[in-house]
Amino acid sequence: MAATTTTNAAAVHLLSAAGGSLTLYTSRVCPFAQRTTIALHDLGLIDAIEPTPTNSNGASLVEIDLTNKPEWYTAMINPRGKVPALKLGSAGPILIESALIAEYLYQAAGRTDVLLTNPEDAATRYAASRVTEAVNDAFVPAFYALLREHDKETQPAAMAKLLSAVHDVGAVLDAEGPYAVGTEWTLADTLAAPFLARLVVVKHYRGFDLKDAAPARDENSARFVRWANALLEREAVKRTTAPAEVLVTAYAKYAEPPRV
């Protein structure tokens, strides 16, 4: 087993379960990949998202260019060509799908508090799952729909749908917060945070400013804004979010009309 210098008990436990090392194939502009880097940062296994061949904390990041994927990636790592993918140890196995990888990381580290897997947490886990479902089913599709709407005459309708999604997610958030189901960070927060970190993109391209547009609508929307603020202040989120200008450039393919 490879040696590790980390003294974090959860990280040591995870590295032991993973065969001594972790290699994450990622892209700093991909929100799904960021779910896994947030988890790795939470667990003390990375300091930031800058790729490095080796990491004193036992995890390595390999940046994949999503606009020009190397052939070896689909041949040897993930045949679907998507990120993230996580290789355990030096020879695998290789895990795919962002939510499943994040859950694996917390589970292998023994973080039952994040996963809410204790019997007494059953009701809270249900509440967290409702938040994840609302984000996946309402917020994320509305976010991309607004970004892809090139017609200025129909953009207000797309913006209204995003505000409606904000309301729907806010309706299932904990009333007091600051996180999805109360005072403690859970998997629901890890899975949602990358998409909230990309609101800067719709502000740039569509003039949608959540802080100005949502709070005045109703309490559910105001609750969503408070939640978003709390998530974006989390150190793991700040340290794993690409600079705004990088995200804006990467999302131009969605926001700008196709060239003729």
C-alpha atoms as a PDB file:
ATOM      1  CA  MET A   1       0.000   0.000   0.000  1.00  0.00           C
ATOM      2  CA  ALA A   2       1.278   3.435  -0.893  1.00  0.00           C
ATOM      3  CA  ALA A   3       2.293   5.638   1.980  1.00  0.00           C
ATOM      4  CA  THR A   4       0.285   8.735   2.755  1.00  0.00           C
ATOM      5  CA  THR A   5       1.126  11.784   4.815  1.00  0.00           C
ATOM      6  CA  THR A   6      -2.430  12.712   5.694  1.00  0.00           C
ATOM      7  CA  THR A   7      -3.350  12.619   9.366  1.00  0.00           C
ATOM      8  CA  ASN A   8      -7.093  12.985   8.783  1.00  0.00           C
ATOM      9  CA  ALA A   9      -8.698   9.848  10.210  1.00  0.00           C
ATOM     10  CA  ALA A  10     -11.488   9.776   7.637  1.00  0.00           C
ATOM     11  CA  ALA A  11      -9.000  10.216   4.795  1.00  0.00           C
ATOM     12  CA  VAL A  12      -6.741   7.456   6.136  1.00  0.00           C
ATOM     13  CA  HIS A  13      -9.745   5.144   6.365  1.00  0.00           C
ATOM     14  CA  LEU A  14     -10.771   5.976   2.808  1.00  0.00           C
ATOM     15  CA  LEU A  15      -7.282   5.497   1.365  1.00  0.00           C
ATOM     16  CA  SER A  16      -7.023   2.140   3.090  1.00  0.00           C
ATOM     17  CA  ALA A  17     -10.322   1.037   1.564  1.00  0.00           C
ATOM     18  CA  ALA A  18      -9.228   2.321  -1.852  1.00  0.00           C
ATOM     19  CA  GLY A  19      -5.899   0.497  -1.941  1.00  0.00           C
ATOM     20  CA  GLY A  20      -3.669   3.362  -0.858  1.00  0.00           C
ATOM     21  CA  SER A  21      -4.326   5.980  -3.506  1.00  0.00           C
ATOM     22  CA  LEU A  22      -7.050   7.695  -5.501  1.00  0.00           C
ATOM     23  CA  THR A  23      -6.847   9.100  -9.024  1.00  0.00           C
ATOM     24  CA  LEU A  24      -9.696  11.346 -10.117  1.00  0.00           C
ATOM     25  CA  TYR A  25     -10.161  12.073 -13.805  1.00  0.00           C
ATOM     26  CA  THR A  26     -11.937  15.384 -13.827  1.00  0.00           C
ATOM     27  CA  SER A  27     -12.588  18.708 -15.547  1.00  0.00           C
ATOM     28  CA  ARG A  28     -12.663  21.909 -13.575  1.00  0.00           C
ATOM     29  CA  VAL A  29     -15.489  23.317 -15.715  1.00  0.00           C
ATOM     30  CA  CYS A  30     -17.786  20.306 -15.264  1.00  0.00           C
ATOM     31  CA  PRO A  31     -20.340  20.608 -12.414  1.00  0.00           C
ATOM     32  CA  PHE A  32     -20.675  16.840 -12.140  1.00  0.00           C
ATOM     33  CA  ALA A  33     -16.938  16.445 -11.674  1.00  0.00           C
ATOM     34  CA  GLN A  34     -16.991  19.165  -9.018  1.00  0.00           C
ATOM     35  CA  ARG A  35     -19.304  17.036  -6.911  1.00  0.00           C
ATOM     36  CA  THR A  36     -16.398  14.650  -6.421  1.00  0.00           C
ATOM     37  CA  THR A  37     -13.729  17.299  -5.850  1.00  0.00           C
ATOM     38  CA  ILE A  38     -15.925  18.879  -3.162  1.00  0.00           C
ATOM     39  CA  ALA A  39     -16.101  15.496  -1.427  1.00  0.00           C
ATOM     40  CA  LEU A  40     -12.336  14.992  -1.734  1.00  0.00           C
ATOM     41  CA  HIS A  41     -11.686  18.437  -0.261  1.00  0.00           C
ATOM     42  CA  ASP A  42     -14.189  17.828   2.530  1.00  0.00           C
ATOM     43  CA  LEU A  43     -12.303  14.653   3.387  1.00  0.00           C
ATOM     44  CA  GLY A  44      -8.907  16.361   3.386  1.00  0.00           C
ATOM     45  CA  LEU A  45      -7.610  14.571   0.303  1.00  0.00           C
ATOM     46  CA  ILE A  46      -7.092  17.568  -1.976  1.00  0.00           C
ATOM     47  CA  ASP A  47      -6.388  21.228  -1.319  1.00  0.00           C
ATOM     48  CA  ALA A  48      -7.693  22.671  -4.591  1.00  0.00           C
ATOM     49  CA  ILE A  49      -8.621  21.653  -8.141  1.00  0.00           C
ATOM     50  CA  GLU A  50      -5.346  22.405  -9.868  1.00  0.00           C
ATOM     51  CA  PRO A  51      -4.259  19.076 -11.392  1.00  0.00           C
ATOM     52  CA  THR A  52      -1.060  17.558 -10.079  1.00  0.00           C
ATOM     53  CA  PRO A  53       0.609  14.189 -10.773  1.00  0.00           C
ATOM     54  CA  THR A  54       1.064  13.521  -7.070  1.00  0.00           C
ATOM     55  CA  ASN A  55      -0.567  14.825  -3.945  1.00  0.00           C
ATOM     56  CA  SER A  56       0.832  14.607  -0.437  1.00  0.00           C
ATOM     57  CA  ASN A  57      -2.651  13.875   0.838  1.00  0.00           C
ATOM     58  CA  GLY A  58      -3.041  10.728  -1.245  1.00  0.00           C
ATOM     59  CA  ALA A  59      -5.298  11.827  -4.122  1.00  0.00           C
ATOM     60  CA  SER A  60      -4.265  12.873  -7.612  1.00  0.00           C
ATOM     61  CA  LEU A  61      -6.271  14.843 -10.163  1.00  0.00           C
ATOM     62  CA  VAL A  62      -5.989  14.306 -13.897  1.00  0.00           C
ATOM     63  CA  GLU A  63      -7.570  17.100 -15.941  1.00  0.00           C
ATOM     64  CA  ILE A  64      -9.449  15.932 -19.031  1.00  0.00           C
ATOM     65  CA  ASP A  65     -10.034  18.404 -21.837  1.00  0.00           C
ATOM     66  CA  LEU A  66     -13.714  17.855 -22.630  1.00  0.00           C
ATOM     67  CA  THR A  67     -13.369  19.608 -25.995  1.00  0.00           C
ATOM     68  CA  ASN A  68     -10.549  17.296 -27.072  1.00  0.00           C
ATOM     69  CA  LYS A  69     -10.702  14.093 -25.054  1.00  0.00           C
ATOM     70  CA  PRO A  70      -7.601  11.927 -25.312  1.00  0.00           C
ATOM     71  CA  GLU A  71      -8.158   8.542 -26.922  1.00  0.00           C
ATOM     72  CA  TRP A  72      -6.644   6.756 -23.957  1.00  0.00           C
ATOM     73  CA  TYR A  73      -9.379   8.103 -21.696  1.00  0.00           C
ATOM     74  CA  THR A  74     -12.253   6.375 -23.472  1.00  0.00           C
ATOM     75  CA  ALA A  75     -10.112   3.328 -24.214  1.00  0.00           C
ATOM     76  CA  MET A  76      -8.748   2.760 -20.715  1.00  0.00           C
ATOM     77  CA  ILE A  77     -10.732   4.773 -18.168  1.00  0.00           C
ATOM     78  CA  ASN A  78     -14.353   5.487 -19.115  1.00  0.00           C
ATOM     79  CA  PRO A  79     -15.790   4.199 -22.410  1.00  0.00           C
ATOM     80  CA  ARG A  80     -18.583   6.782 -22.118  1.00  0.00           C
ATOM     81  CA  GLY A  81     -16.011   9.545 -22.304  1.00  0.00           C
ATOM     82  CA  LYS A  82     -17.553  11.417 -19.399  1.00  0.00           C
ATOM     83  CA  VAL A  83     -16.019  12.818 -16.236  1.00  0.00           C
ATOM     84  CA  PRO A  84     -15.613  12.194 -13.413  1.00  0.00           C
ATOM     85  CA  ALA A  85     -14.045   8.774 -13.117  1.00  0.00           C
ATOM     86  CA  LEU A  86     -12.238   7.577 -10.002  1.00  0.00           C
ATOM     87  CA  LYS A  87      -9.530   4.923 -10.031  1.00  0.00           C
ATOM     88  CA  LEU A  88      -8.959   3.122  -6.747  1.00  0.00           C
ATOM     89  CA  GLY A  89      -5.373   2.142  -6.057  1.00  0.00           C
ATOM     90  CA  SER A  90      -2.855   1.683  -8.848  1.00  0.00           C
ATOM     91  CA  ALA A  91      -4.803  -0.864 -10.862  1.00  0.00           C
ATOM     92  CA  GLY A  92      -8.466  -0.048 -10.310  1.00  0.00           C
ATOM     93  CA  PRO A  93     -11.350  -0.687 -10.181  1.00  0.00           C
ATOM     94  CA  ILE A  94     -12.634   2.499 -11.806  1.00  0.00           C
ATOM     95  CA  LEU A  95     -15.829   4.135 -10.556  1.00  0.00           C
ATOM     96  CA  ILE A  96     -18.051   6.368 -12.702  1.00  0.00           C
ATOM     97  CA  GLU A  97     -21.123   8.597 -12.180  1.00  0.00           C
ATOM     98  CA  SER A  98     -20.636  11.684 -10.003  1.00  0.00           C
ATOM     99  CA  ALA A  99     -23.308  11.111  -7.352  1.00  0.00           C
ATOM    100  CA  LEU A 100     -22.234   7.504  -6.866  1.00  0.00           C
ATOM    101  CA  ILE A 101     -18.564   8.480  -6.588  1.00  0.00           C
ATOM    102  CA  ALA A 102     -19.306  11.199  -4.021  1.00  0.00           C
ATOM    103  CA  GLU A 103     -21.392   8.744  -2.024  1.00  0.00           C
ATOM    104  CA  TYR A 104     -18.603   6.149  -2.212  1.00  0.00           C
ATOM    105  CA  LEU A 105     -16.031   8.623  -0.940  1.00  0.00           C
ATOM    106  CA  TYR A 106     -18.070   9.613   2.102  1.00  0.00           C
ATOM    107  CA  GLN A 107     -19.088   6.002   2.774  1.00  0.00           C
ATOM    108  CA  ALA A 108     -15.543   4.635   2.563  1.00  0.00           C
ATOM    109  CA  ALA A 109     -14.381   7.442   4.857  1.00  0.00           C
ATOM    110  CA  GLY A 110     -17.003   6.499   7.430  1.00  0.00           C
ATOM    111  CA  ARG A 111     -18.821   9.836   7.161  1.00  0.00           C
ATOM    112  CA  THR A 112     -22.254   8.631   8.219  1.00  0.00           C
ATOM    113  CA  ASP A 113     -23.052  12.205   9.274  1.00  0.00           C
ATOM    114  CA  VAL A 114     -22.866  13.391   5.653  1.00  0.00           C
ATOM    115  CA  LEU A 115     -24.725  10.376   4.256  1.00  0.00           C
ATOM    116  CA  LEU A 116     -27.305  10.210   7.074  1.00  0.00           C
ATOM    117  CA  THR A 117     -27.087   6.424   7.124  1.00  0.00           C
ATOM    118  CA  ASN A 118     -27.756   5.876  10.829  1.00  0.00           C
ATOM    119  CA  PRO A 119     -31.252   4.552  11.642  1.00  0.00           C
ATOM    120  CA  GLU A 120     -32.144   7.687  13.584  1.00  0.00           C
ATOM    121  CA  ASP A 121     -31.347   9.773  10.483  1.00  0.00           C
ATOM    122  CA  ALA A 122     -33.942   8.102   8.249  1.00  0.00           C
ATOM    123  CA  ALA A 123     -36.370  11.033   8.164  1.00  0.00           C
ATOM    124  CA  THR A 124     -33.572  13.550   7.567  1.00  0.00           C
ATOM    125  CA  ARG A 125     -32.131  11.372   4.806  1.00  0.00           C
ATOM    126  CA  TYR A 126     -35.557  11.357   3.163  1.00  0.00           C
ATOM    127  CA  ALA A 127     -35.642  15.154   3.348  1.00  0.00           C
ATOM    128  CA  ALA A 128     -32.156  15.364   1.836  1.00  0.00           C
ATOM    129  CA  SER A 129     -33.198  13.072  -1.004  1.00  0.00           C
ATOM    130  CA  ARG A 130     -36.143  15.338  -1.764  1.00  0.00           C
ATOM    131  CA  VAL A 131     -33.778  18.294  -2.108  1.00  0.00           C
ATOM    132  CA  THR A 132     -31.522  16.349  -4.475  1.00  0.00           C
ATOM    133  CA  GLU A 133     -34.523  15.272  -6.514  1.00  0.00           C
ATOM    134  CA  ALA A 134     -35.823  18.849  -6.796  1.00  0.00           C
ATOM    135  CA  VAL A 135     -32.419  20.157  -7.872  1.00  0.00           C
ATOM    136  CA  ASN A 136     -31.983  17.409 -10.471  1.00  0.00           C
ATOM    137  CA  ASP A 137     -35.530  17.484 -11.828  1.00  0.00           C
ATOM    138  CA  ALA A 138     -36.350  21.203 -11.661  1.00  0.00           C
ATOM    139  CA  PHE A 139     -33.348  23.475 -11.171  1.00  0.00           C
ATOM    140  CA  VAL A 140     -30.711  21.884 -13.413  1.00  0.00           C
ATOM    141  CA  PRO A 141     -32.979  21.516 -16.497  1.00  0.00           C
ATOM    142  CA  ALA A 142     -34.278  25.093 -16.093  1.00  0.00           C
ATOM    143  CA  PHE A 143     -30.725  26.411 -15.689  1.00  0.00           C
ATOM    144  CA  TYR A 144     -29.577  24.844 -18.956  1.00  0.00           C
ATOM    145  CA  ALA A 145     -32.808  25.759 -20.751  1.00  0.00           C
ATOM    146  CA  LEU A 146     -32.246  29.440 -19.992  1.00  0.00           C
ATOM    147  CA  LEU A 147     -28.618  29.213 -21.025  1.00  0.00           C
ATOM    148  CA  ARG A 148     -29.543  27.575 -24.339  1.00  0.00           C
ATOM    149  CA  GLU A 149     -32.358  30.022 -25.112  1.00  0.00           C
ATOM    150  CA  HIS A 150     -30.873  32.290 -27.760  1.00  0.00           C
ATOM    151  CA  ASP A 151     -34.084  34.115 -28.687  1.00  0.00           C
ATOM    152  CA  LYS A 152     -34.325  37.311 -26.625  1.00  0.00           C
ATOM    153  CA  GLU A 153     -38.105  37.337 -26.972  1.00  0.00           C
ATOM    154  CA  THR A 154     -38.465  33.952 -25.287  1.00  0.00           C
ATOM    155  CA  GLN A 155     -35.695  34.370 -22.713  1.00  0.00           C
ATOM    156  CA  PRO A 156     -38.059  35.975 -20.152  1.00  0.00           C
ATOM    157  CA  ALA A 157     -40.214  32.821 -20.204  1.00  0.00           C
ATOM    158  CA  ALA A 158     -37.128  30.664 -19.676  1.00  0.00           C
ATOM    159  CA  MET A 159     -36.068  32.951 -16.829  1.00  0.00           C
ATOM    160  CA  ALA A 160     -39.508  32.577 -15.248  1.00  0.00           C
ATOM    161  CA  LYS A 161     -39.135  28.798 -15.380  1.00  0.00           C
ATOM    162  CA  LEU A 162     -35.798  29.029 -13.592  1.00  0.00           C
ATOM    163  CA  LEU A 163     -37.379  31.207 -10.901  1.00  0.00           C
ATOM    164  CA  SER A 164     -40.169  28.645 -10.584  1.00  0.00           C
ATOM    165  CA  ALA A 165     -37.550  25.939 -10.108  1.00  0.00           C
ATOM    166  CA  VAL A 166     -35.869  28.067  -7.420  1.00  0.00           C
ATOM    167  CA  HIS A 167     -39.222  28.219  -5.638  1.00  0.00           C
ATOM    168  CA  ASP A 168     -39.717  24.442  -5.966  1.00  0.00           C
ATOM    169  CA  VAL A 169     -36.309  23.659  -4.476  1.00  0.00           C
ATOM    170  CA  GLY A 170     -36.792  26.240  -1.725  1.00  0.00           C
ATOM    171  CA  ALA A 171     -40.047  24.545  -0.765  1.00  0.00           C
ATOM    172  CA  VAL A 172     -38.202  21.365   0.293  1.00  0.00           C
ATOM    173  CA  LEU A 173     -35.237  23.029   2.014  1.00  0.00           C
ATOM    174  CA  ASP A 174     -35.000  23.186   5.779  1.00  0.00           C
ATOM    175  CA  ALA A 175     -36.710  26.334   6.998  1.00  0.00           C
ATOM    176  CA  GLU A 176     -33.829  27.363   9.243  1.00  0.00           C
ATOM    177  CA  GLY A 177     -30.856  26.049   7.283  1.00  0.00           C
ATOM    178  CA  PRO A 178     -28.264  27.112   6.511  1.00  0.00           C
ATOM    179  CA  TYR A 179     -27.814  23.824   4.637  1.00  0.00           C
ATOM    180  CA  ALA A 180     -30.297  21.606   2.813  1.00  0.00           C
ATOM    181  CA  VAL A 181     -31.652  19.811   5.875  1.00  0.00           C
ATOM    182  CA  GLY A 182     -30.394  21.914   8.758  1.00  0.00           C
ATOM    183  CA  THR A 183     -27.192  22.993  10.404  1.00  0.00           C
ATOM    184  CA  GLU A 184     -24.977  20.192   9.086  1.00  0.00           C
ATOM    185  CA  TRP A 185     -23.585  19.664   5.595  1.00  0.00           C
ATOM    186  CA  THR A 186     -24.912  16.554   3.830  1.00  0.00           C
ATOM    187  CA  LEU A 187     -24.582  14.780   0.511  1.00  0.00           C
ATOM    188  CA  ALA A 188     -27.507  16.856  -0.799  1.00  0.00           C
ATOM    189  CA  ASP A 189     -25.363  19.982  -0.426  1.00  0.00           C
ATOM    190  CA  THR A 190     -22.356  18.386  -2.112  1.00  0.00           C
ATOM    191  CA  LEU A 191     -24.446  17.348  -5.114  1.00  0.00           C
ATOM    192  CA  ALA A 192     -26.168  20.732  -5.532  1.00  0.00           C
ATOM    193  CA  ALA A 193     -23.318  23.174  -4.887  1.00  0.00           C
ATOM    194  CA  PRO A 194     -21.589  22.922  -8.298  1.00  0.00           C
ATOM    195  CA  PHE A 195     -24.721  24.053 -10.125  1.00  0.00           C
ATOM    196  CA  LEU A 196     -25.212  27.000  -7.794  1.00  0.00           C
ATOM    197  CA  ALA A 197     -21.577  27.930  -8.380  1.00  0.00           C
ATOM    198  CA  ARG A 198     -22.409  28.241 -12.081  1.00  0.00           C
ATOM    199  CA  LEU A 199     -25.135  30.841 -11.641  1.00  0.00           C
ATOM    200  CA  VAL A 200     -22.409  33.319 -12.561  1.00  0.00           C
ATOM    201  CA  VAL A 201     -22.742  31.982 -16.112  1.00  0.00           C
ATOM    202  CA  VAL A 202     -26.456  32.793 -16.519  1.00  0.00           C
ATOM    203  CA  LYS A 203     -25.823  36.181 -14.942  1.00  0.00           C
ATOM    204  CA  HIS A 204     -23.170  36.877 -17.558  1.00  0.00           C
ATOM    205  CA  TYR A 205     -25.068  35.623 -20.596  1.00  0.00           C
ATOM    206  CA  ARG A 206     -28.714  36.199 -19.645  1.00  0.00           C
ATOM    207  CA  GLY A 207     -28.598  38.892 -16.962  1.00  0.00           C
ATOM    208  CA  PHE A 208     -30.134  36.549 -14.411  1.00  0.00           C
ATOM    209  CA  ASP A 209     -29.085  37.588 -10.910  1.00  0.00           C
ATOM    210  CA  LEU A 210     -30.523  35.223  -8.328  1.00  0.00           C
ATOM    211  CA  LYS A 211     -29.990  37.637  -5.437  1.00  0.00           C
ATOM    212  CA  ASP A 212     -32.017  40.346  -7.164  1.00  0.00           C
ATOM    213  CA  ALA A 213     -34.678  38.194  -8.811  1.00  0.00           C
ATOM    214  CA  ALA A 214     -35.634  35.565  -6.255  1.00  0.00           C
ATOM    215  CA  PRO A 215     -35.974  36.887  -2.656  1.00  0.00           C
ATOM    216  CA  ALA A 216     -38.833  39.272  -3.359  1.00  0.00           C
ATOM    217  CA  ARG A 217     -41.001  36.528  -4.865  1.00  0.00           C
ATOM    218  CA  ASP A 218     -41.772  34.506  -1.723  1.00  0.00           C
ATOM    219  CA  GLU A 219     -40.222  32.876   1.330  1.00  0.00           C
ATOM    220  CA  ASN A 220     -39.345  29.663  -0.508  1.00  0.00           C
ATOM    221  CA  SER A 221     -37.281  31.596  -3.039  1.00  0.00           C
ATOM    222  CA  ALA A 222     -35.624  33.643  -0.301  1.00  0.00           C
ATOM    223  CA  ARG A 223     -34.771  30.391   1.476  1.00  0.00           C
ATOM    224  CA  PHE A 224     -33.117  29.117  -1.698  1.00  0.00           C
ATOM    225  CA  VAL A 225     -30.982  32.252  -1.899  1.00  0.00           C
ATOM    226  CA  ARG A 226     -29.853  31.862   1.728  1.00  0.00           C
ATOM    227  CA  TRP A 227     -28.992  28.234   1.024  1.00  0.00           C
ATOM    228  CA  ALA A 228     -27.052  29.141  -2.120  1.00  0.00           C
ATOM    229  CA  ASN A 229     -25.071  31.741  -0.203  1.00  0.00           C
ATOM    230  CA  ALA A 230     -24.197  29.225   2.514  1.00  0.00           C
ATOM    231  CA  LEU A 231     -23.039  26.634   0.001  1.00  0.00           C
ATOM    232  CA  LEU A 232     -20.909  29.078  -1.940  1.00  0.00           C
ATOM    233  CA  GLU A 233     -19.185  30.174   1.284  1.00  0.00           C
ATOM    234  CA  ARG A 234     -18.142  26.608   2.072  1.00  0.00           C
ATOM    235  CA  GLU A 235     -14.360  26.288   1.768  1.00  0.00           C
ATOM    236  CA  ALA A 236     -14.611  23.031  -0.184  1.00  0.00           C
ATOM    237  CA  VAL A 237     -16.825  24.740  -2.754  1.00  0.00           C
ATOM    238  CA  LYS A 238     -14.652  27.842  -3.068  1.00  0.00           C
ATOM    239  CA  ARG A 239     -11.479  25.792  -3.466  1.00  0.00           C
ATOM    240  CA  THR A 240     -12.959  23.545  -6.151  1.00  0.00           C
ATOM    241  CA  THR A 241     -14.781  26.139  -8.278  1.00  0.00           C
ATOM    242  CA  ALA A 242     -13.019  27.353 -11.405  1.00  0.00           C
ATOM    243  CA  PRO A 243     -12.611  31.127 -11.848  1.00  0.00           C
ATOM    244  CA  ALA A 244     -15.697  32.882 -13.211  1.00  0.00           C
ATOM    245  CA  GLU A 245     -13.964  33.811 -16.449  1.00  0.00           C
ATOM    246  CA  VAL A 246     -13.048  30.183 -17.076  1.00  0.00           C
ATOM    247  CA  LEU A 247     -16.645  29.066 -16.553  1.00  0.00           C
ATOM    248  CA  VAL A 248     -18.004  31.839 -18.759  1.00  0.00           C
ATOM    249  CA  THR A 249     -15.690  30.804 -21.584  1.00  0.00           C
ATOM    250  CA  ALA A 250     -16.521  27.117 -21.188  1.00  0.00           C
ATOM    251  CA  TYR A 251     -20.291  27.715 -21.246  1.00  0.00           C
ATOM    252  CA  ALA A 252     -20.205  29.860 -24.369  1.00  0.00           C
ATOM    253  CA  LYS A 253     -20.992  26.724 -26.378  1.00  0.00           C
ATOM    254  CA  TYR A 254     -24.409  26.634 -24.725  1.00  0.00           C
ATOM    255  CA  ALA A 255     -25.114  30.353 -24.463  1.00  0.00           C
ATOM    256  CA  GLU A 256     -24.003  31.720 -27.794  1.00  0.00           C
ATOM    257  CA  PRO A 257     -25.903  31.049 -31.044  1.00  0.00           C
ATOM    258  CA  PRO A 258     -24.286  28.427 -33.271  1.00  0.00           C
ATOM    259  CA  ARG A 259     -22.066  29.841 -35.941  1.00  0.00           C
ATOM    260  CA  VAL A 260     -23.371  29.500 -39.465  1.00  0.00           C
END
